[in-house]
Amino acid sequence: MSTGKPRDGEFQMVPAPGTSKPPLPPVAATNAIVEYTPVSLKEDEEDLEIKLRRIIDNVPVRVSNTSGSSAGSGSGDFHQYRQMRRKEQDRLARMEVNYQKRKEVAEFNLRREERLKAAEERTAKKRARRQKKKQRKKEKKTKLNAGEEQQKKEDSSSDGDSDNDEAAP
């Protein structure tokens, strides 16, 4: 007797969302337990499925140095084991060396960026000091020039007044 809920190990067939079951033909009644309705895949899913099949078909599965099916170990099994173990350890060592190199390069680049940034900050600070000094010097020069011009005007005006005073009596 079925309760409508699937038990462990049982599957329940449900229609895909957005699709409805095609109507059964009115004349022929079927005694099938499960009706098969072809599921239409999206174009992207079809492409992925085709690519996956092509990869599975074309890429060979490579198994090397498999042990025989006999129960005991042969005289060459130990040497095969040592060879496989050495290859694996060499592979792991290469991976470790590669990781260490990448880590050192990343640390070097980080330190280099920090040094360049610090040097740029020092340069900017010194540049600002030079600009301030140059600006102060320029302002001082303009003040001196303005003072000299005003003094010349005063001198010229006082010279002109003294001439006028002598001519007036």
N, C-alpha and C. Protein backbone atom coordinates (compact mmCIF):
# COMPACT_ATOMS: atom_id res chain seq x y z
N MET A 1 0.84 -1.17 0.00
CA MET A 1 0.00 0.00 0.00
C MET A 1 0.88 1.24 0.00
N SER A 2 0.62 2.19 -0.87
CA SER A 2 1.47 3.35 -1.03
C SER A 2 0.84 4.55 -0.34
N THR A 3 1.69 5.33 0.34
CA THR A 3 1.20 6.54 1.03
C THR A 3 1.38 7.77 0.17
N GLY A 4 2.02 7.63 -0.96
CA GLY A 4 2.23 8.77 -1.84
C GLY A 4 3.60 9.42 -1.63
N LYS A 5 4.26 9.08 -0.55
CA LYS A 5 5.58 9.63 -0.28
C LYS A 5 6.62 8.56 -0.60
N PRO A 6 7.72 8.93 -1.24
CA PRO A 6 8.73 7.93 -1.55
C PRO A 6 9.49 7.51 -0.29
N ARG A 7 9.74 6.23 -0.19
CA ARG A 7 10.56 5.74 0.91
C ARG A 7 12.01 5.80 0.50
N ASP A 8 12.91 5.53 1.46
CA ASP A 8 14.34 5.52 1.15
C ASP A 8 14.61 4.51 0.06
N GLY A 9 15.37 4.92 -0.94
CA GLY A 9 15.73 4.03 -2.03
C GLY A 9 14.73 4.03 -3.16
N GLU A 10 13.60 4.71 -3.02
CA GLU A 10 12.61 4.78 -4.09
C GLU A 10 12.70 6.13 -4.77
N PHE A 11 12.32 6.16 -6.02
CA PHE A 11 12.32 7.41 -6.77
C PHE A 11 10.90 7.79 -7.09
N GLN A 12 10.66 9.07 -7.18
CA GLN A 12 9.35 9.55 -7.54
C GLN A 12 9.49 10.40 -8.79
N MET A 13 8.68 10.14 -9.78
CA MET A 13 8.73 10.89 -11.02
C MET A 13 7.79 12.09 -10.91
N VAL A 14 8.30 13.26 -11.19
CA VAL A 14 7.48 14.47 -11.17
C VAL A 14 7.71 15.21 -12.47
N PRO A 15 6.72 15.94 -12.94
CA PRO A 15 6.92 16.70 -14.17
C PRO A 15 7.85 17.89 -13.90
N ALA A 16 8.58 18.26 -14.93
CA ALA A 16 9.47 19.41 -14.83
C ALA A 16 8.63 20.66 -14.67
N PRO A 17 9.11 21.65 -13.91
CA PRO A 17 8.33 22.87 -13.74
C PRO A 17 8.16 23.60 -15.07
N GLY A 18 6.98 24.11 -15.27
CA GLY A 18 6.70 24.84 -16.50
C GLY A 18 6.28 23.94 -17.65
N THR A 19 6.31 22.64 -17.46
CA THR A 19 5.85 21.74 -18.52
C THR A 19 4.70 20.92 -17.96
N SER A 20 3.86 20.53 -18.83
CA SER A 20 2.74 19.69 -18.40
C SER A 20 2.81 18.37 -19.13
N LYS A 21 2.16 17.37 -18.56
CA LYS A 21 2.15 16.06 -19.20
C LYS A 21 1.34 16.12 -20.48
N PRO A 22 1.81 15.44 -21.51
CA PRO A 22 0.97 15.38 -22.71
C PRO A 22 -0.26 14.51 -22.42
N PRO A 23 -1.36 14.85 -23.01
CA PRO A 23 -2.57 14.05 -22.74
C PRO A 23 -2.42 12.64 -23.29
N LEU A 24 -3.00 11.70 -22.57
CA LEU A 24 -2.96 10.30 -23.01
C LEU A 24 -3.88 10.13 -24.20
N PRO A 25 -3.50 9.25 -25.09
CA PRO A 25 -4.42 8.99 -26.21
C PRO A 25 -5.72 8.39 -25.68
N PRO A 26 -6.84 8.82 -26.18
CA PRO A 26 -8.12 8.38 -25.62
C PRO A 26 -8.41 6.91 -25.88
N VAL A 27 -7.95 6.35 -26.96
CA VAL A 27 -8.32 4.99 -27.30
C VAL A 27 -7.44 3.98 -26.58
N ALA A 28 -6.16 4.18 -26.63
CA ALA A 28 -5.24 3.19 -26.10
C ALA A 28 -4.92 3.54 -24.66
N ALA A 29 -5.30 2.71 -23.76
CA ALA A 29 -4.95 2.89 -22.35
C ALA A 29 -3.72 2.04 -22.08
N THR A 30 -2.78 2.59 -21.37
CA THR A 30 -1.55 1.86 -21.12
C THR A 30 -1.53 1.37 -19.69
N ASN A 31 -0.84 0.27 -19.48
CA ASN A 31 -0.67 -0.28 -18.14
C ASN A 31 0.72 0.03 -17.60
N ALA A 32 1.40 0.98 -18.22
CA ALA A 32 2.76 1.31 -17.82
C ALA A 32 2.74 1.99 -16.46
N ILE A 33 3.72 1.65 -15.64
CA ILE A 33 3.83 2.27 -14.32
C ILE A 33 4.40 3.68 -14.44
N VAL A 34 5.38 3.85 -15.32
CA VAL A 34 6.02 5.15 -15.50
C VAL A 34 5.86 5.56 -16.94
N GLU A 35 5.46 6.80 -17.14
CA GLU A 35 5.36 7.32 -18.49
C GLU A 35 6.61 8.11 -18.78
N TYR A 36 7.18 7.89 -19.94
CA TYR A 36 8.38 8.61 -20.34
C TYR A 36 7.99 9.81 -21.16
N THR A 37 8.40 10.96 -20.69
CA THR A 37 8.20 12.18 -21.48
C THR A 37 9.57 12.75 -21.77
N PRO A 38 9.89 12.98 -23.00
CA PRO A 38 11.22 13.52 -23.33
C PRO A 38 11.37 14.93 -22.73
N VAL A 39 12.47 15.11 -22.07
CA VAL A 39 12.75 16.40 -21.45
C VAL A 39 13.54 17.23 -22.44
N SER A 40 13.05 18.42 -22.69
CA SER A 40 13.77 19.28 -23.62
C SER A 40 14.81 20.08 -22.84
N LEU A 41 16.06 19.92 -23.26
CA LEU A 41 17.15 20.64 -22.61
C LEU A 41 17.32 22.00 -23.27
N LYS A 42 17.81 22.91 -22.50
CA LYS A 42 18.13 24.22 -23.06
C LYS A 42 19.34 24.08 -23.96
N GLU A 43 19.54 25.03 -24.83
CA GLU A 43 20.63 24.96 -25.80
C GLU A 43 21.99 24.92 -25.11
N ASP A 44 22.16 25.73 -24.05
CA ASP A 44 23.45 25.75 -23.34
C ASP A 44 23.71 24.40 -22.68
N GLU A 45 22.68 23.83 -22.08
CA GLU A 45 22.84 22.53 -21.43
C GLU A 45 23.18 21.45 -22.44
N GLU A 46 22.57 21.52 -23.63
CA GLU A 46 22.87 20.55 -24.68
C GLU A 46 24.33 20.69 -25.12
N ASP A 47 24.78 21.92 -25.28
CA ASP A 47 26.17 22.14 -25.68
C ASP A 47 27.12 21.57 -24.64
N LEU A 48 26.84 21.81 -23.36
CA LEU A 48 27.70 21.30 -22.30
C LEU A 48 27.70 19.78 -22.28
N GLU A 49 26.53 19.20 -22.49
CA GLU A 49 26.43 17.74 -22.49
C GLU A 49 27.21 17.15 -23.66
N ILE A 50 27.12 17.78 -24.82
CA ILE A 50 27.86 17.31 -26.00
C ILE A 50 29.36 17.42 -25.75
N LYS A 51 29.79 18.54 -25.17
CA LYS A 51 31.21 18.72 -24.89
C LYS A 51 31.70 17.67 -23.89
N LEU A 52 30.89 17.41 -22.87
CA LEU A 52 31.27 16.42 -21.87
C LEU A 52 31.40 15.04 -22.50
N ARG A 53 30.45 14.68 -23.34
CA ARG A 53 30.53 13.38 -24.01
C ARG A 53 31.78 13.29 -24.88
N ARG A 54 32.08 14.37 -25.62
CA ARG A 54 33.25 14.38 -26.49
C ARG A 54 34.52 14.21 -25.66
N ILE A 55 34.59 14.89 -24.52
CA ILE A 55 35.78 14.79 -23.66
C ILE A 55 35.92 13.37 -23.14
N ILE A 56 34.83 12.82 -22.65
CA ILE A 56 34.87 11.47 -22.09
C ILE A 56 35.28 10.46 -23.16
N ASP A 57 34.77 10.63 -24.39
CA ASP A 57 35.09 9.70 -25.47
C ASP A 57 36.53 9.83 -25.95
N ASN A 58 37.06 11.04 -25.99
CA ASN A 58 38.36 11.27 -26.61
C ASN A 58 39.54 11.23 -25.65
N VAL A 59 39.31 11.48 -24.38
CA VAL A 59 40.42 11.50 -23.43
C VAL A 59 40.63 10.09 -22.90
N PRO A 60 41.81 9.55 -23.12
CA PRO A 60 42.03 8.17 -22.65
C PRO A 60 42.24 8.15 -21.13
N VAL A 61 41.77 7.09 -20.54
CA VAL A 61 41.99 6.87 -19.12
C VAL A 61 43.31 6.13 -19.01
N ARG A 62 44.27 6.72 -18.33
CA ARG A 62 45.60 6.16 -18.29
C ARG A 62 45.87 5.57 -16.91
N VAL A 63 46.06 4.29 -16.88
CA VAL A 63 46.42 3.61 -15.64
C VAL A 63 47.72 2.88 -15.92
N SER A 64 48.74 3.23 -15.16
CA SER A 64 50.03 2.60 -15.41
C SER A 64 50.43 1.78 -14.20
N ASN A 65 51.18 0.73 -14.47
CA ASN A 65 51.72 -0.14 -13.42
C ASN A 65 50.64 -0.68 -12.49
N THR A 66 49.64 -1.27 -13.09
CA THR A 66 48.61 -1.89 -12.25
C THR A 66 49.12 -3.24 -11.80
N SER A 67 48.68 -3.62 -10.64
CA SER A 67 49.08 -4.93 -10.12
C SER A 67 48.29 -6.00 -10.84
N GLY A 68 48.85 -7.19 -10.86
CA GLY A 68 48.15 -8.30 -11.49
C GLY A 68 46.98 -8.78 -10.64
N SER A 69 46.23 -9.71 -11.20
CA SER A 69 45.05 -10.20 -10.49
C SER A 69 45.37 -11.39 -9.59
N SER A 70 46.60 -11.84 -9.60
CA SER A 70 46.94 -12.98 -8.75
C SER A 70 47.05 -12.52 -7.30
N ALA A 71 46.93 -13.45 -6.38
CA ALA A 71 46.86 -13.12 -4.97
C ALA A 71 48.20 -12.66 -4.41
N GLY A 72 49.29 -13.23 -4.81
CA GLY A 72 50.57 -12.92 -4.19
C GLY A 72 51.29 -11.80 -4.90
N SER A 73 52.32 -11.29 -4.25
CA SER A 73 53.14 -10.25 -4.86
C SER A 73 54.27 -10.90 -5.61
N GLY A 74 54.53 -10.41 -6.78
CA GLY A 74 55.63 -10.93 -7.57
C GLY A 74 56.93 -10.28 -7.16
N SER A 75 58.01 -10.73 -7.76
CA SER A 75 59.32 -10.20 -7.40
C SER A 75 59.50 -8.77 -7.91
N GLY A 76 58.75 -8.35 -8.92
CA GLY A 76 58.92 -6.99 -9.47
C GLY A 76 58.00 -5.97 -8.84
N ASP A 77 57.05 -6.40 -8.01
CA ASP A 77 56.08 -5.47 -7.44
C ASP A 77 56.74 -4.43 -6.54
N PHE A 78 57.73 -4.85 -5.77
CA PHE A 78 58.38 -3.92 -4.86
C PHE A 78 59.08 -2.81 -5.65
N HIS A 79 59.71 -3.18 -6.74
CA HIS A 79 60.41 -2.19 -7.56
C HIS A 79 59.42 -1.24 -8.22
N GLN A 80 58.28 -1.79 -8.66
CA GLN A 80 57.23 -0.93 -9.21
C GLN A 80 56.73 0.04 -8.15
N TYR A 81 56.53 -0.47 -6.95
CA TYR A 81 56.06 0.37 -5.85
C TYR A 81 57.06 1.49 -5.57
N ARG A 82 58.35 1.13 -5.53
CA ARG A 82 59.38 2.15 -5.25
C ARG A 82 59.40 3.21 -6.35
N GLN A 83 59.26 2.77 -7.59
CA GLN A 83 59.27 3.70 -8.70
C GLN A 83 58.07 4.65 -8.63
N MET A 84 56.88 4.10 -8.38
CA MET A 84 55.68 4.94 -8.27
C MET A 84 55.81 5.92 -7.11
N ARG A 85 56.35 5.43 -5.99
CA ARG A 85 56.51 6.27 -4.80
C ARG A 85 57.52 7.39 -5.09
N ARG A 86 58.62 7.06 -5.77
CA ARG A 86 59.62 8.07 -6.10
C ARG A 86 59.04 9.13 -7.04
N LYS A 87 58.27 8.69 -8.04
CA LYS A 87 57.65 9.64 -8.97
C LYS A 87 56.69 10.57 -8.24
N GLU A 88 55.90 10.01 -7.36
CA GLU A 88 54.94 10.83 -6.60
C GLU A 88 55.67 11.82 -5.70
N GLN A 89 56.73 11.37 -5.03
CA GLN A 89 57.48 12.27 -4.17
C GLN A 89 58.19 13.36 -4.98
N ASP A 90 58.68 13.02 -6.16
CA ASP A 90 59.28 14.03 -7.03
C ASP A 90 58.23 15.06 -7.46
N ARG A 91 57.04 14.58 -7.79
CA ARG A 91 55.95 15.49 -8.19
C ARG A 91 55.61 16.42 -7.04
N LEU A 92 55.49 15.87 -5.83
CA LEU A 92 55.17 16.71 -4.67
C LEU A 92 56.29 17.71 -4.38
N ALA A 93 57.55 17.29 -4.56
CA ALA A 93 58.67 18.19 -4.34
C ALA A 93 58.65 19.34 -5.35
N ARG A 94 58.35 19.01 -6.62
CA ARG A 94 58.26 20.06 -7.64
C ARG A 94 57.14 21.03 -7.31
N MET A 95 56.00 20.50 -6.86
CA MET A 95 54.89 21.37 -6.48
C MET A 95 55.30 22.28 -5.33
N GLU A 96 56.01 21.75 -4.36
CA GLU A 96 56.45 22.55 -3.20
C GLU A 96 57.43 23.64 -3.63
N VAL A 97 58.38 23.28 -4.51
CA VAL A 97 59.35 24.27 -5.00
C VAL A 97 58.63 25.37 -5.78
N ASN A 98 57.69 24.97 -6.61
CA ASN A 98 56.93 25.94 -7.39
C ASN A 98 56.15 26.87 -6.47
N TYR A 99 55.53 26.30 -5.44
CA TYR A 99 54.78 27.11 -4.47
C TYR A 99 55.70 28.09 -3.76
N GLN A 100 56.87 27.63 -3.33
CA GLN A 100 57.81 28.50 -2.63
C GLN A 100 58.28 29.65 -3.54
N LYS A 101 58.53 29.33 -4.83
CA LYS A 101 58.95 30.38 -5.76
C LYS A 101 57.86 31.43 -5.92
N ARG A 102 56.62 30.97 -6.12
CA ARG A 102 55.52 31.91 -6.28
C ARG A 102 55.33 32.75 -5.02
N LYS A 103 55.50 32.12 -3.86
CA LYS A 103 55.36 32.84 -2.58
C LYS A 103 56.45 33.90 -2.45
N GLU A 104 57.70 33.54 -2.78
CA GLU A 104 58.81 34.50 -2.70
C GLU A 104 58.61 35.66 -3.66
N VAL A 105 58.15 35.37 -4.87
CA VAL A 105 57.92 36.44 -5.84
C VAL A 105 56.82 37.37 -5.35
N ALA A 106 55.76 36.80 -4.78
CA ALA A 106 54.67 37.63 -4.27
C ALA A 106 55.15 38.51 -3.11
N GLU A 107 55.94 37.93 -2.20
CA GLU A 107 56.47 38.72 -1.08
C GLU A 107 57.41 39.81 -1.58
N PHE A 108 58.27 39.47 -2.57
CA PHE A 108 59.17 40.47 -3.13
C PHE A 108 58.40 41.63 -3.74
N ASN A 109 57.37 41.29 -4.53
CA ASN A 109 56.57 42.35 -5.17
C ASN A 109 55.88 43.22 -4.13
N LEU A 110 55.42 42.61 -3.04
CA LEU A 110 54.77 43.37 -1.98
C LEU A 110 55.76 44.33 -1.32
N ARG A 111 56.96 43.82 -0.98
CA ARG A 111 57.99 44.68 -0.37
C ARG A 111 58.40 45.78 -1.34
N ARG A 112 58.53 45.44 -2.62
CA ARG A 112 58.93 46.43 -3.62
C ARG A 112 57.90 47.54 -3.73
N GLU A 113 56.62 47.18 -3.76
CA GLU A 113 55.56 48.18 -3.83
C GLU A 113 55.60 49.09 -2.61
N GLU A 114 55.85 48.51 -1.42
CA GLU A 114 55.92 49.32 -0.21
C GLU A 114 57.10 50.29 -0.28
N ARG A 115 58.26 49.81 -0.75
CA ARG A 115 59.43 50.68 -0.87
C ARG A 115 59.18 51.80 -1.88
N LEU A 116 58.58 51.46 -3.02
CA LEU A 116 58.30 52.48 -4.02
C LEU A 116 57.32 53.53 -3.49
N LYS A 117 56.32 53.07 -2.75
CA LYS A 117 55.34 53.98 -2.18
C LYS A 117 56.00 54.91 -1.17
N ALA A 118 56.87 54.36 -0.30
CA ALA A 118 57.58 55.18 0.68
C ALA A 118 58.49 56.18 -0.02
N ALA A 119 59.19 55.75 -1.06
CA ALA A 119 60.08 56.66 -1.80
C ALA A 119 59.27 57.77 -2.47
N GLU A 120 58.13 57.43 -3.01
CA GLU A 120 57.27 58.44 -3.65
C GLU A 120 56.77 59.45 -2.62
N GLU A 121 56.44 58.97 -1.42
CA GLU A 121 55.99 59.89 -0.37
C GLU A 121 57.10 60.84 0.03
N ARG A 122 58.34 60.29 0.19
CA ARG A 122 59.47 61.15 0.54
C ARG A 122 59.73 62.18 -0.56
N THR A 123 59.67 61.73 -1.80
CA THR A 123 59.90 62.64 -2.92
C THR A 123 58.85 63.74 -2.96
N ALA A 124 57.60 63.37 -2.73
CA ALA A 124 56.52 64.36 -2.74
C ALA A 124 56.71 65.37 -1.61
N LYS A 125 57.14 64.92 -0.45
CA LYS A 125 57.37 65.81 0.68
C LYS A 125 58.50 66.80 0.37
N LYS A 126 59.60 66.29 -0.18
CA LYS A 126 60.72 67.16 -0.53
C LYS A 126 60.33 68.13 -1.65
N ARG A 127 59.54 67.66 -2.61
CA ARG A 127 59.08 68.52 -3.69
C ARG A 127 58.24 69.67 -3.14
N ALA A 128 57.36 69.34 -2.17
CA ALA A 128 56.53 70.38 -1.56
C ALA A 128 57.40 71.40 -0.84
N ARG A 129 58.45 70.94 -0.14
CA ARG A 129 59.36 71.87 0.54
C ARG A 129 60.05 72.79 -0.46
N ARG A 130 60.54 72.21 -1.55
CA ARG A 130 61.21 73.03 -2.56
C ARG A 130 60.25 74.08 -3.14
N GLN A 131 59.01 73.67 -3.41
CA GLN A 131 58.02 74.59 -3.97
C GLN A 131 57.74 75.74 -2.99
N LYS A 132 57.61 75.37 -1.69
CA LYS A 132 57.36 76.41 -0.68
C LYS A 132 58.52 77.39 -0.62
N LYS A 133 59.74 76.86 -0.63
CA LYS A 133 60.93 77.70 -0.56
C LYS A 133 61.00 78.62 -1.77
N LYS A 134 60.72 78.06 -2.93
CA LYS A 134 60.73 78.84 -4.16
C LYS A 134 59.67 79.93 -4.12
N GLN A 135 58.48 79.57 -3.60
CA GLN A 135 57.38 80.53 -3.51
C GLN A 135 57.74 81.67 -2.55
N ARG A 136 58.32 81.30 -1.38
CA ARG A 136 58.72 82.33 -0.41
C ARG A 136 59.77 83.27 -1.00
N LYS A 137 60.72 82.69 -1.72
CA LYS A 137 61.77 83.50 -2.35
C LYS A 137 61.17 84.45 -3.38
N LYS A 138 60.20 83.96 -4.13
CA LYS A 138 59.55 84.77 -5.15
C LYS A 138 58.75 85.90 -4.50
N GLU A 139 58.04 85.56 -3.41
CA GLU A 139 57.26 86.58 -2.70
C GLU A 139 58.18 87.64 -2.11
N LYS A 140 59.30 87.22 -1.55
CA LYS A 140 60.26 88.14 -0.96
C LYS A 140 60.82 89.08 -2.04
N LYS A 141 61.10 88.51 -3.20
CA LYS A 141 61.63 89.30 -4.30
C LYS A 141 60.60 90.32 -4.77
N THR A 142 59.33 89.90 -4.87
CA THR A 142 58.28 90.83 -5.31
C THR A 142 58.08 91.93 -4.28
N LYS A 143 58.19 91.59 -2.98
CA LYS A 143 58.06 92.61 -1.94
C LYS A 143 59.21 93.61 -2.03
N LEU A 144 60.41 93.11 -2.23
CA LEU A 144 61.56 94.01 -2.36
C LEU A 144 61.41 94.92 -3.57
N ASN A 145 60.98 94.37 -4.69
CA ASN A 145 60.78 95.16 -5.90
C ASN A 145 59.69 96.19 -5.67
N ALA A 146 58.62 95.79 -5.01
CA ALA A 146 57.53 96.73 -4.74
C ALA A 146 58.01 97.82 -3.79
N GLY A 147 58.79 97.45 -2.78
CA GLY A 147 59.34 98.45 -1.84
C GLY A 147 60.27 99.41 -2.52
N GLU A 148 61.13 98.92 -3.39
CA GLU A 148 62.06 99.78 -4.12
C GLU A 148 61.31 100.75 -5.03
N GLU A 149 60.27 100.24 -5.70
CA GLU A 149 59.50 101.10 -6.60
C GLU A 149 58.80 102.19 -5.80
N GLN A 150 58.26 101.82 -4.64
CA GLN A 150 57.57 102.81 -3.83
C GLN A 150 58.59 103.83 -3.30
N GLN A 151 59.77 103.35 -2.92
CA GLN A 151 60.80 104.26 -2.42
C GLN A 151 61.25 105.21 -3.53
N LYS A 152 61.36 104.70 -4.75
CA LYS A 152 61.73 105.55 -5.87
C LYS A 152 60.65 106.59 -6.12
N LYS A 153 59.39 106.18 -6.01
CA LYS A 153 58.30 107.13 -6.20
C LYS A 153 58.36 108.22 -5.13
N GLU A 154 58.62 107.78 -3.90
CA GLU A 154 58.70 108.76 -2.81
C GLU A 154 59.90 109.70 -3.02
N ASP A 155 61.00 109.11 -3.43
CA ASP A 155 62.18 109.92 -3.69
C ASP A 155 61.91 110.89 -4.83
N SER A 156 61.27 110.41 -5.88
CA SER A 156 61.01 111.26 -7.03
C SER A 156 59.99 112.34 -6.68
N SER A 157 59.02 112.01 -5.85
CA SER A 157 58.03 113.00 -5.46
C SER A 157 58.65 114.01 -4.49
N SER A 158 59.52 113.57 -3.62
CA SER A 158 60.17 114.50 -2.69
C SER A 158 61.18 115.36 -3.44
N ASP A 159 61.83 114.83 -4.44
CA ASP A 159 62.76 115.60 -5.25
C ASP A 159 62.00 116.68 -6.01
N GLY A 160 60.86 116.33 -6.52
CA GLY A 160 60.04 117.27 -7.27
C GLY A 160 59.53 118.36 -6.34
N ASP A 161 59.22 118.09 -5.10
CA ASP A 161 58.72 119.07 -4.15
C ASP A 161 59.83 120.04 -3.77
N SER A 162 61.04 119.55 -3.63
CA SER A 162 62.15 120.41 -3.24
C SER A 162 62.47 121.39 -4.37
N ASP A 163 62.34 120.96 -5.59
CA ASP A 163 62.57 121.83 -6.72
C ASP A 163 61.52 122.94 -6.75
N ASN A 164 60.28 122.55 -6.46
CA ASN A 164 59.19 123.50 -6.48
C ASN A 164 59.35 124.50 -5.35
N ASP A 165 59.87 124.05 -4.19
CA ASP A 165 60.03 124.94 -3.04
C ASP A 165 61.10 125.99 -3.34
N GLU A 166 62.16 125.63 -3.98
CA GLU A 166 63.24 126.55 -4.28
C GLU A 166 62.80 127.57 -5.33
N ALA A 167 61.99 127.18 -6.25
CA ALA A 167 61.57 128.08 -7.32
C ALA A 167 60.48 129.05 -6.84
N ALA A 168 59.74 128.68 -5.83
CA ALA A 168 58.63 129.51 -5.36
C ALA A 168 59.08 130.77 -4.66
N PRO A 169 60.16 130.89 -3.90
CA PRO A 169 60.42 132.15 -3.21
C PRO A 169 60.95 133.23 -4.07
